[in-house]
Amino acid sequence: MLTKRMINKKLIIIYLMLIFSLSLSRIIPHPPNFTPVISLAIIGPFLFGSLYLCLVCVLTSMLIADFFIGFHDGMFQIYLIITLICIMFNKFKKNISNINLIYFSFTGSVIFFILTNLGVWYFGDLYTKDINGLINCYFMAIPFFTNTLLSTVIFSYFIFFISIKIAKSQYVKN
């Protein structure tokens, strides 16, 4: 029989492993924007049952990774967008299903794409501050969107099914 203290230790270890894994996924070489960050922002409220725990896990892992890969001007904007995605999908945490994961992954990726590139255009100096510059900014970001979308779908399903398998194994054993 598991005691409450043992369960708390297990959960803390799981959260720390998740933070470490998420941080590592951003530090090790990978295709641009091919990380599980948005996936966890989508699945996290369902997985943790708590918006707060989701935000702590995702944002802490991002901060740790940014410490190693380097802090940058767009951090606040990206953290804010990831927070928005967590908050938005917290409202849908009871609607997670195989089919909805595709919609949620697409929606989360589109939100991230639109808002981050709007910030790149508005705050950066890479593009002219007119409609042509905005269109060019989004056009040049399409390869990043492809990676974001693919990684979000793949990692969402991976996280979802692994978490369900872990949960079922915990209930079957105890």
N, C-alpha and C. Protein backbone atom coordinates (compact mmCIF):
# COMPACT_ATOMS: atom_id res chain seq x y z
N MET A 1 0.84 -1.19 0.00
CA MET A 1 0.00 0.00 0.00
C MET A 1 0.88 1.25 0.00
N LEU A 2 0.60 2.16 -0.87
CA LEU A 2 1.36 3.40 -0.95
C LEU A 2 0.84 4.40 0.07
N THR A 3 1.77 5.00 0.79
CA THR A 3 1.37 6.05 1.71
C THR A 3 1.33 7.38 0.96
N LYS A 4 0.70 8.36 1.59
CA LYS A 4 0.61 9.69 0.98
C LYS A 4 2.01 10.28 0.77
N ARG A 5 2.90 10.04 1.71
CA ARG A 5 4.27 10.54 1.60
C ARG A 5 4.99 9.92 0.42
N MET A 6 4.80 8.61 0.21
CA MET A 6 5.43 7.92 -0.93
C MET A 6 4.90 8.46 -2.25
N ILE A 7 3.59 8.73 -2.30
CA ILE A 7 2.98 9.27 -3.52
C ILE A 7 3.54 10.66 -3.81
N ASN A 8 3.65 11.49 -2.77
CA ASN A 8 4.22 12.82 -2.95
C ASN A 8 5.65 12.76 -3.45
N LYS A 9 6.45 11.85 -2.91
CA LYS A 9 7.84 11.69 -3.38
C LYS A 9 7.86 11.24 -4.84
N LYS A 10 6.98 10.31 -5.17
CA LYS A 10 6.91 9.84 -6.57
C LYS A 10 6.55 10.99 -7.50
N LEU A 11 5.56 11.79 -7.11
CA LEU A 11 5.13 12.91 -7.95
C LEU A 11 6.24 13.94 -8.10
N ILE A 12 6.93 14.24 -7.03
CA ILE A 12 8.03 15.20 -7.10
C ILE A 12 9.11 14.69 -8.04
N ILE A 13 9.43 13.42 -7.94
CA ILE A 13 10.44 12.83 -8.83
C ILE A 13 9.97 12.89 -10.28
N ILE A 14 8.71 12.59 -10.52
CA ILE A 14 8.16 12.65 -11.88
C ILE A 14 8.24 14.07 -12.42
N TYR A 15 7.84 15.07 -11.61
CA TYR A 15 7.90 16.47 -12.05
C TYR A 15 9.34 16.89 -12.35
N LEU A 16 10.26 16.51 -11.48
CA LEU A 16 11.67 16.87 -11.71
C LEU A 16 12.22 16.19 -12.96
N MET A 17 11.85 14.94 -13.17
CA MET A 17 12.30 14.24 -14.39
C MET A 17 11.70 14.90 -15.63
N LEU A 18 10.47 15.31 -15.54
CA LEU A 18 9.82 15.97 -16.67
C LEU A 18 10.48 17.32 -16.96
N ILE A 19 10.76 18.09 -15.93
CA ILE A 19 11.45 19.37 -16.11
C ILE A 19 12.83 19.14 -16.73
N PHE A 20 13.56 18.16 -16.21
CA PHE A 20 14.88 17.85 -16.75
C PHE A 20 14.78 17.42 -18.21
N SER A 21 13.84 16.53 -18.53
CA SER A 21 13.67 16.04 -19.90
C SER A 21 13.30 17.16 -20.86
N LEU A 22 12.39 18.01 -20.43
CA LEU A 22 11.96 19.12 -21.28
C LEU A 22 13.11 20.10 -21.50
N SER A 23 13.86 20.39 -20.45
CA SER A 23 15.03 21.27 -20.59
C SER A 23 16.05 20.65 -21.54
N LEU A 24 16.31 19.39 -21.34
CA LEU A 24 17.29 18.69 -22.19
C LEU A 24 16.86 18.67 -23.65
N SER A 25 15.55 18.56 -23.88
CA SER A 25 15.05 18.53 -25.27
C SER A 25 15.34 19.83 -26.01
N ARG A 26 15.50 20.91 -25.27
CA ARG A 26 15.81 22.19 -25.90
C ARG A 26 17.31 22.43 -26.00
N ILE A 27 18.09 21.73 -25.17
CA ILE A 27 19.54 21.94 -25.13
C ILE A 27 20.26 21.08 -26.16
N ILE A 28 19.85 19.82 -26.28
CA ILE A 28 20.53 18.92 -27.21
C ILE A 28 20.24 19.35 -28.66
N PRO A 29 21.13 19.03 -29.58
CA PRO A 29 20.87 19.41 -30.98
C PRO A 29 19.55 18.82 -31.48
N HIS A 30 18.78 19.66 -32.15
CA HIS A 30 17.48 19.26 -32.68
C HIS A 30 17.12 20.20 -33.82
N PRO A 31 16.21 19.79 -34.69
CA PRO A 31 15.75 20.72 -35.73
C PRO A 31 15.09 21.94 -35.07
N PRO A 32 15.20 23.10 -35.66
CA PRO A 32 14.61 24.31 -35.06
C PRO A 32 13.12 24.12 -34.76
N ASN A 33 12.73 24.51 -33.55
CA ASN A 33 11.35 24.46 -33.08
C ASN A 33 10.78 23.04 -32.97
N PHE A 34 11.63 22.04 -32.90
CA PHE A 34 11.16 20.66 -32.76
C PHE A 34 11.39 20.22 -31.31
N THR A 35 10.52 20.69 -30.42
CA THR A 35 10.61 20.36 -29.01
C THR A 35 9.21 20.04 -28.47
N PRO A 36 9.14 19.41 -27.29
CA PRO A 36 7.83 19.08 -26.71
C PRO A 36 7.21 20.19 -25.86
N VAL A 37 7.73 21.40 -25.94
CA VAL A 37 7.25 22.47 -25.05
C VAL A 37 5.77 22.76 -25.25
N ILE A 38 5.36 22.99 -26.48
CA ILE A 38 3.94 23.32 -26.73
C ILE A 38 3.06 22.11 -26.39
N SER A 39 3.57 20.92 -26.66
CA SER A 39 2.81 19.71 -26.32
C SER A 39 2.51 19.65 -24.83
N LEU A 40 3.51 19.93 -24.01
CA LEU A 40 3.27 19.88 -22.58
C LEU A 40 2.37 21.02 -22.13
N ALA A 41 2.45 22.16 -22.81
CA ALA A 41 1.54 23.27 -22.49
C ALA A 41 0.09 22.86 -22.78
N ILE A 42 -0.11 22.02 -23.78
CA ILE A 42 -1.45 21.55 -24.15
C ILE A 42 -1.90 20.41 -23.23
N ILE A 43 -1.04 19.42 -23.04
CA ILE A 43 -1.38 18.22 -22.28
C ILE A 43 -1.22 18.43 -20.77
N GLY A 44 -0.34 19.35 -20.39
CA GLY A 44 -0.01 19.55 -18.98
C GLY A 44 -1.18 19.72 -18.04
N PRO A 45 -2.14 20.59 -18.36
CA PRO A 45 -3.28 20.73 -17.44
C PRO A 45 -4.05 19.42 -17.24
N PHE A 46 -4.16 18.63 -18.30
CA PHE A 46 -4.79 17.31 -18.19
C PHE A 46 -3.92 16.37 -17.37
N LEU A 47 -2.63 16.36 -17.69
CA LEU A 47 -1.69 15.45 -17.05
C LEU A 47 -1.54 15.74 -15.56
N PHE A 48 -1.38 17.01 -15.20
CA PHE A 48 -1.16 17.39 -13.81
C PHE A 48 -2.45 17.64 -13.05
N GLY A 49 -3.51 17.92 -13.79
CA GLY A 49 -4.77 18.28 -13.15
C GLY A 49 -4.72 19.68 -12.55
N SER A 50 -3.70 20.44 -12.93
CA SER A 50 -3.50 21.75 -12.33
C SER A 50 -2.81 22.67 -13.31
N LEU A 51 -3.40 23.83 -13.52
CA LEU A 51 -2.77 24.84 -14.37
C LEU A 51 -1.46 25.30 -13.75
N TYR A 52 -1.47 25.50 -12.44
CA TYR A 52 -0.28 25.97 -11.74
C TYR A 52 0.90 25.01 -11.94
N LEU A 53 0.68 23.72 -11.72
CA LEU A 53 1.76 22.75 -11.88
C LEU A 53 2.26 22.69 -13.32
N CYS A 54 1.34 22.83 -14.26
CA CYS A 54 1.72 22.85 -15.67
C CYS A 54 2.63 24.03 -15.95
N LEU A 55 2.23 25.20 -15.50
CA LEU A 55 3.03 26.41 -15.73
C LEU A 55 4.39 26.31 -15.06
N VAL A 56 4.43 25.82 -13.83
CA VAL A 56 5.70 25.68 -13.13
C VAL A 56 6.63 24.74 -13.90
N CYS A 57 6.09 23.62 -14.33
CA CYS A 57 6.90 22.62 -15.04
C CYS A 57 7.42 23.17 -16.38
N VAL A 58 6.53 23.71 -17.18
CA VAL A 58 6.92 24.19 -18.52
C VAL A 58 7.85 25.39 -18.42
N LEU A 59 7.50 26.38 -17.63
CA LEU A 59 8.30 27.61 -17.57
C LEU A 59 9.65 27.39 -16.87
N THR A 60 9.67 26.53 -15.86
CA THR A 60 10.94 26.21 -15.20
C THR A 60 11.88 25.50 -16.17
N SER A 61 11.34 24.56 -16.91
CA SER A 61 12.19 23.84 -17.87
C SER A 61 12.72 24.78 -18.95
N MET A 62 11.90 25.71 -19.39
CA MET A 62 12.35 26.67 -20.39
C MET A 62 13.43 27.59 -19.83
N LEU A 63 13.25 28.02 -18.61
CA LEU A 63 14.23 28.90 -17.97
C LEU A 63 15.57 28.19 -17.79
N ILE A 64 15.52 26.94 -17.37
CA ILE A 64 16.76 26.15 -17.22
C ILE A 64 17.45 26.01 -18.56
N ALA A 65 16.71 25.66 -19.60
CA ALA A 65 17.31 25.50 -20.93
C ALA A 65 17.87 26.83 -21.42
N ASP A 66 17.14 27.92 -21.22
CA ASP A 66 17.63 29.23 -21.66
C ASP A 66 18.89 29.65 -20.91
N PHE A 67 19.04 29.20 -19.69
CA PHE A 67 20.25 29.47 -18.94
C PHE A 67 21.46 28.87 -19.68
N PHE A 68 21.27 27.69 -20.26
CA PHE A 68 22.38 27.02 -20.96
C PHE A 68 22.54 27.47 -22.41
N ILE A 69 21.41 27.69 -23.11
CA ILE A 69 21.54 28.06 -24.52
C ILE A 69 21.65 29.56 -24.72
N GLY A 70 21.34 30.31 -23.68
CA GLY A 70 21.50 31.76 -23.75
C GLY A 70 20.17 32.49 -23.64
N PHE A 71 20.17 33.50 -22.81
CA PHE A 71 18.99 34.36 -22.68
C PHE A 71 18.91 35.26 -23.91
N HIS A 72 17.69 35.62 -24.29
CA HIS A 72 17.51 36.41 -25.51
C HIS A 72 16.37 37.40 -25.34
N ASP A 73 16.30 38.32 -26.27
CA ASP A 73 15.30 39.41 -26.18
C ASP A 73 13.86 38.91 -26.25
N GLY A 74 13.61 37.81 -26.93
CA GLY A 74 12.24 37.35 -27.12
C GLY A 74 11.73 36.43 -26.02
N MET A 75 12.53 36.23 -24.99
CA MET A 75 12.13 35.29 -23.93
C MET A 75 10.79 35.63 -23.30
N PHE A 76 10.63 36.87 -22.90
CA PHE A 76 9.40 37.26 -22.21
C PHE A 76 8.19 36.99 -23.09
N GLN A 77 8.29 37.34 -24.37
CA GLN A 77 7.19 37.12 -25.30
C GLN A 77 6.89 35.63 -25.43
N ILE A 78 7.92 34.80 -25.59
CA ILE A 78 7.72 33.36 -25.76
C ILE A 78 7.12 32.75 -24.48
N TYR A 79 7.63 33.14 -23.33
CA TYR A 79 7.10 32.63 -22.07
C TYR A 79 5.64 33.03 -21.91
N LEU A 80 5.32 34.24 -22.31
CA LEU A 80 3.95 34.73 -22.23
C LEU A 80 3.02 33.93 -23.16
N ILE A 81 3.49 33.63 -24.35
CA ILE A 81 2.69 32.85 -25.30
C ILE A 81 2.48 31.43 -24.79
N ILE A 82 3.52 30.82 -24.26
CA ILE A 82 3.40 29.47 -23.70
C ILE A 82 2.43 29.49 -22.51
N THR A 83 2.50 30.53 -21.69
CA THR A 83 1.56 30.67 -20.58
C THR A 83 0.12 30.78 -21.11
N LEU A 84 -0.07 31.58 -22.14
CA LEU A 84 -1.39 31.72 -22.76
C LEU A 84 -1.91 30.37 -23.27
N ILE A 85 -1.04 29.58 -23.89
CA ILE A 85 -1.44 28.26 -24.39
C ILE A 85 -1.83 27.35 -23.22
N CYS A 86 -1.05 27.37 -22.13
CA CYS A 86 -1.40 26.57 -20.94
C CYS A 86 -2.77 26.97 -20.41
N ILE A 87 -2.99 28.27 -20.27
CA ILE A 87 -4.26 28.77 -19.74
C ILE A 87 -5.42 28.37 -20.66
N MET A 88 -5.21 28.55 -21.96
CA MET A 88 -6.27 28.23 -22.91
C MET A 88 -6.63 26.74 -22.87
N PHE A 89 -5.62 25.87 -22.86
CA PHE A 89 -5.91 24.44 -22.90
C PHE A 89 -6.29 23.89 -21.53
N ASN A 90 -6.07 24.65 -20.48
CA ASN A 90 -6.60 24.26 -19.18
C ASN A 90 -8.12 24.20 -19.23
N LYS A 91 -8.71 25.07 -20.03
CA LYS A 91 -10.18 25.09 -20.19
C LYS A 91 -10.69 23.83 -20.89
N PHE A 92 -9.81 23.17 -21.65
CA PHE A 92 -10.22 22.00 -22.44
C PHE A 92 -9.67 20.69 -21.89
N LYS A 93 -9.11 20.71 -20.69
CA LYS A 93 -8.42 19.51 -20.19
C LYS A 93 -9.34 18.30 -20.05
N LYS A 94 -10.63 18.53 -19.90
CA LYS A 94 -11.57 17.40 -19.79
C LYS A 94 -11.98 16.87 -21.17
N ASN A 95 -11.56 17.57 -22.22
CA ASN A 95 -11.93 17.18 -23.58
C ASN A 95 -10.79 16.52 -24.35
N ILE A 96 -9.76 16.07 -23.65
CA ILE A 96 -8.63 15.43 -24.32
C ILE A 96 -9.07 14.08 -24.85
N SER A 97 -8.84 13.85 -26.12
CA SER A 97 -9.12 12.56 -26.76
C SER A 97 -8.16 12.41 -27.94
N ASN A 98 -8.17 11.26 -28.55
CA ASN A 98 -7.28 11.02 -29.70
C ASN A 98 -7.52 12.05 -30.81
N ILE A 99 -8.76 12.27 -31.14
CA ILE A 99 -9.10 13.21 -32.22
C ILE A 99 -8.79 14.64 -31.79
N ASN A 100 -9.19 15.01 -30.58
CA ASN A 100 -8.96 16.38 -30.12
C ASN A 100 -7.48 16.73 -30.03
N LEU A 101 -6.63 15.74 -29.81
CA LEU A 101 -5.19 16.02 -29.75
C LEU A 101 -4.69 16.61 -31.07
N ILE A 102 -5.23 16.16 -32.17
CA ILE A 102 -4.84 16.72 -33.46
C ILE A 102 -5.28 18.18 -33.54
N TYR A 103 -6.53 18.45 -33.19
CA TYR A 103 -7.03 19.83 -33.21
C TYR A 103 -6.26 20.71 -32.24
N PHE A 104 -6.05 20.20 -31.03
CA PHE A 104 -5.35 20.98 -30.02
C PHE A 104 -3.91 21.25 -30.45
N SER A 105 -3.24 20.25 -31.00
CA SER A 105 -1.86 20.42 -31.46
C SER A 105 -1.79 21.46 -32.57
N PHE A 106 -2.72 21.37 -33.49
CA PHE A 106 -2.74 22.34 -34.60
C PHE A 106 -3.02 23.74 -34.06
N THR A 107 -4.01 23.86 -33.19
CA THR A 107 -4.38 25.17 -32.64
C THR A 107 -3.23 25.77 -31.83
N GLY A 108 -2.62 24.98 -30.96
CA GLY A 108 -1.49 25.47 -30.16
C GLY A 108 -0.33 25.91 -31.03
N SER A 109 -0.05 25.14 -32.07
CA SER A 109 1.05 25.48 -32.99
C SER A 109 0.74 26.76 -33.76
N VAL A 110 -0.49 26.91 -34.20
CA VAL A 110 -0.88 28.12 -34.95
C VAL A 110 -0.81 29.35 -34.04
N ILE A 111 -1.29 29.22 -32.81
CA ILE A 111 -1.21 30.34 -31.87
C ILE A 111 0.24 30.75 -31.67
N PHE A 112 1.10 29.76 -31.44
CA PHE A 112 2.52 30.04 -31.23
C PHE A 112 3.13 30.70 -32.47
N PHE A 113 2.83 30.18 -33.63
CA PHE A 113 3.35 30.72 -34.90
C PHE A 113 2.91 32.17 -35.11
N ILE A 114 1.63 32.40 -34.98
CA ILE A 114 1.09 33.76 -35.24
C ILE A 114 1.67 34.77 -34.25
N LEU A 115 1.64 34.45 -32.98
CA LEU A 115 2.06 35.42 -31.98
C LEU A 115 3.57 35.64 -31.93
N THR A 116 4.35 34.56 -32.05
CA THR A 116 5.81 34.76 -32.01
C THR A 116 6.29 35.53 -33.22
N ASN A 117 5.74 35.23 -34.39
CA ASN A 117 6.20 35.94 -35.58
C ASN A 117 5.68 37.36 -35.65
N LEU A 118 4.53 37.60 -35.07
CA LEU A 118 4.06 38.98 -34.94
C LEU A 118 5.05 39.77 -34.08
N GLY A 119 5.53 39.15 -33.02
CA GLY A 119 6.52 39.78 -32.16
C GLY A 119 7.85 39.99 -32.87
N VAL A 120 8.28 39.01 -33.65
CA VAL A 120 9.53 39.15 -34.41
C VAL A 120 9.41 40.34 -35.36
N TRP A 121 8.28 40.44 -36.03
CA TRP A 121 8.08 41.55 -36.97
C TRP A 121 8.00 42.89 -36.24
N TYR A 122 7.20 42.95 -35.19
CA TYR A 122 6.94 44.22 -34.51
C TYR A 122 8.15 44.72 -33.71
N PHE A 123 8.77 43.82 -32.96
CA PHE A 123 9.86 44.24 -32.07
C PHE A 123 11.24 44.15 -32.71
N GLY A 124 11.37 43.33 -33.75
CA GLY A 124 12.67 43.13 -34.36
C GLY A 124 12.98 44.12 -35.45
N ASP A 125 14.14 43.94 -36.04
CA ASP A 125 14.53 44.83 -37.14
C ASP A 125 14.86 44.04 -38.41
N LEU A 126 14.39 42.82 -38.49
CA LEU A 126 14.64 42.00 -39.67
C LEU A 126 13.73 42.34 -40.85
N TYR A 127 12.56 42.87 -40.55
CA TYR A 127 11.56 43.10 -41.59
C TYR A 127 11.06 44.54 -41.53
N THR A 128 10.63 45.04 -42.69
CA THR A 128 10.08 46.40 -42.73
C THR A 128 8.77 46.45 -41.96
N LYS A 129 8.46 47.58 -41.41
CA LYS A 129 7.27 47.75 -40.59
C LYS A 129 6.06 48.14 -41.44
N ASP A 130 5.77 47.30 -42.42
CA ASP A 130 4.60 47.48 -43.26
C ASP A 130 4.01 46.11 -43.55
N ILE A 131 2.94 46.07 -44.30
CA ILE A 131 2.26 44.80 -44.59
C ILE A 131 3.17 43.84 -45.34
N ASN A 132 4.02 44.35 -46.22
CA ASN A 132 4.96 43.49 -46.94
C ASN A 132 5.97 42.85 -46.00
N GLY A 133 6.44 43.63 -45.02
CA GLY A 133 7.37 43.09 -44.02
C GLY A 133 6.71 42.02 -43.17
N LEU A 134 5.46 42.24 -42.79
CA LEU A 134 4.71 41.26 -42.00
C LEU A 134 4.50 39.97 -42.78
N ILE A 135 4.09 40.11 -44.04
CA ILE A 135 3.89 38.93 -44.89
C ILE A 135 5.20 38.18 -45.07
N ASN A 136 6.28 38.91 -45.31
CA ASN A 136 7.59 38.30 -45.48
C ASN A 136 8.03 37.57 -44.20
N CYS A 137 7.76 38.17 -43.05
CA CYS A 137 8.09 37.55 -41.77
C CYS A 137 7.39 36.19 -41.62
N TYR A 138 6.09 36.17 -41.90
CA TYR A 138 5.34 34.91 -41.79
C TYR A 138 5.79 33.91 -42.86
N PHE A 139 6.07 34.37 -44.04
CA PHE A 139 6.51 33.48 -45.11
C PHE A 139 7.85 32.82 -44.74
N MET A 140 8.77 33.60 -44.21
CA MET A 140 10.09 33.08 -43.86
C MET A 140 10.02 32.12 -42.66
N ALA A 141 8.96 32.19 -41.90
CA ALA A 141 8.82 31.35 -40.71
C ALA A 141 8.10 30.02 -40.99
N ILE A 142 7.66 29.80 -42.21
CA ILE A 142 6.91 28.57 -42.52
C ILE A 142 7.70 27.31 -42.19
N PRO A 143 9.00 27.21 -42.50
CA PRO A 143 9.73 25.99 -42.11
C PRO A 143 9.73 25.76 -40.59
N PHE A 144 9.78 26.83 -39.82
CA PHE A 144 9.72 26.69 -38.36
C PHE A 144 8.34 26.20 -37.93
N PHE A 145 7.30 26.69 -38.60
CA PHE A 145 5.94 26.25 -38.28
C PHE A 145 5.78 24.76 -38.56
N THR A 146 6.35 24.29 -39.65
CA THR A 146 6.27 22.87 -39.98
C THR A 146 6.86 22.04 -38.85
N ASN A 147 8.04 22.42 -38.38
CA ASN A 147 8.67 21.70 -37.27
C ASN A 147 7.85 21.81 -35.99
N THR A 148 7.31 22.99 -35.72
CA THR A 148 6.50 23.19 -34.53
C THR A 148 5.27 22.28 -34.57
N LEU A 149 4.59 22.27 -35.71
CA LEU A 149 3.38 21.46 -35.84
C LEU A 149 3.69 19.97 -35.72
N LEU A 150 4.69 19.51 -36.44
CA LEU A 150 5.05 18.08 -36.38
C LEU A 150 5.44 17.67 -34.97
N SER A 151 6.29 18.45 -34.34
CA SER A 151 6.73 18.09 -32.99
C SER A 151 5.58 18.14 -31.99
N THR A 152 4.70 19.10 -32.15
CA THR A 152 3.58 19.21 -31.21
C THR A 152 2.64 18.01 -31.34
N VAL A 153 2.34 17.61 -32.55
CA VAL A 153 1.48 16.43 -32.75
C VAL A 153 2.17 15.18 -32.20
N ILE A 154 3.41 14.97 -32.59
CA ILE A 154 4.14 13.76 -32.18
C ILE A 154 4.28 13.71 -30.65
N PHE A 155 4.77 14.78 -30.06
CA PHE A 155 4.98 14.77 -28.61
C PHE A 155 3.67 14.78 -27.83
N SER A 156 2.62 15.39 -28.36
CA SER A 156 1.33 15.36 -27.67
C SER A 156 0.83 13.93 -27.54
N TYR A 157 0.89 13.18 -28.63
CA TYR A 157 0.46 11.79 -28.57
C TYR A 157 1.37 10.97 -27.68
N PHE A 158 2.67 11.19 -27.79
CA PHE A 158 3.62 10.45 -26.97
C PHE A 158 3.37 10.72 -25.48
N ILE A 159 3.26 11.98 -25.09
CA ILE A 159 3.03 12.34 -23.69
C ILE A 159 1.68 11.80 -23.22
N PHE A 160 0.66 11.95 -24.06
CA PHE A 160 -0.69 11.51 -23.70
C PHE A 160 -0.73 10.01 -23.44
N PHE A 161 -0.21 9.22 -24.38
CA PHE A 161 -0.31 7.78 -24.23
C PHE A 161 0.63 7.24 -23.15
N ILE A 162 1.79 7.83 -23.01
CA ILE A 162 2.69 7.41 -21.94
C ILE A 162 2.07 7.72 -20.58
N SER A 163 1.48 8.91 -20.43
CA SER A 163 0.88 9.27 -19.14
C SER A 163 -0.30 8.37 -18.82
N ILE A 164 -1.08 8.01 -19.81
CA ILE A 164 -2.21 7.10 -19.57
C ILE A 164 -1.70 5.71 -19.18
N LYS A 165 -0.65 5.27 -19.86
CA LYS A 165 -0.08 3.95 -19.55
C LYS A 165 0.48 3.94 -18.12
N ILE A 166 1.16 5.00 -17.72
CA ILE A 166 1.69 5.10 -16.37
C ILE A 166 0.55 5.11 -15.35
N ALA A 167 -0.48 5.91 -15.64
CA ALA A 167 -1.61 5.99 -14.72
C ALA A 167 -2.30 4.64 -14.58
N LYS A 168 -2.51 3.95 -15.67
CA LYS A 168 -3.16 2.63 -15.61
C LYS A 168 -2.31 1.65 -14.84
N SER A 169 -0.99 1.69 -15.04
CA SER A 169 -0.12 0.75 -14.33
C SER A 169 -0.13 1.04 -12.83
N GLN A 170 -0.27 2.29 -12.44
CA GLN A 170 -0.33 2.64 -11.02
C GLN A 170 -1.63 2.13 -10.40
N TYR A 171 -2.73 2.23 -11.14
CA TYR A 171 -4.01 1.77 -10.60
C TYR A 171 -4.09 0.25 -10.56
N VAL A 172 -3.49 -0.42 -11.53
CA VAL A 172 -3.54 -1.87 -11.58
C VAL A 172 -2.71 -2.47 -10.46
N LYS A 173 -1.53 -1.90 -10.18
CA LYS A 173 -0.63 -2.42 -9.16
C LYS A 173 -1.16 -2.19 -7.75
N ASN A 174 -1.87 -1.09 -7.57
CA ASN A 174 -2.26 -0.72 -6.19
C ASN A 174 -3.71 -0.96 -5.99
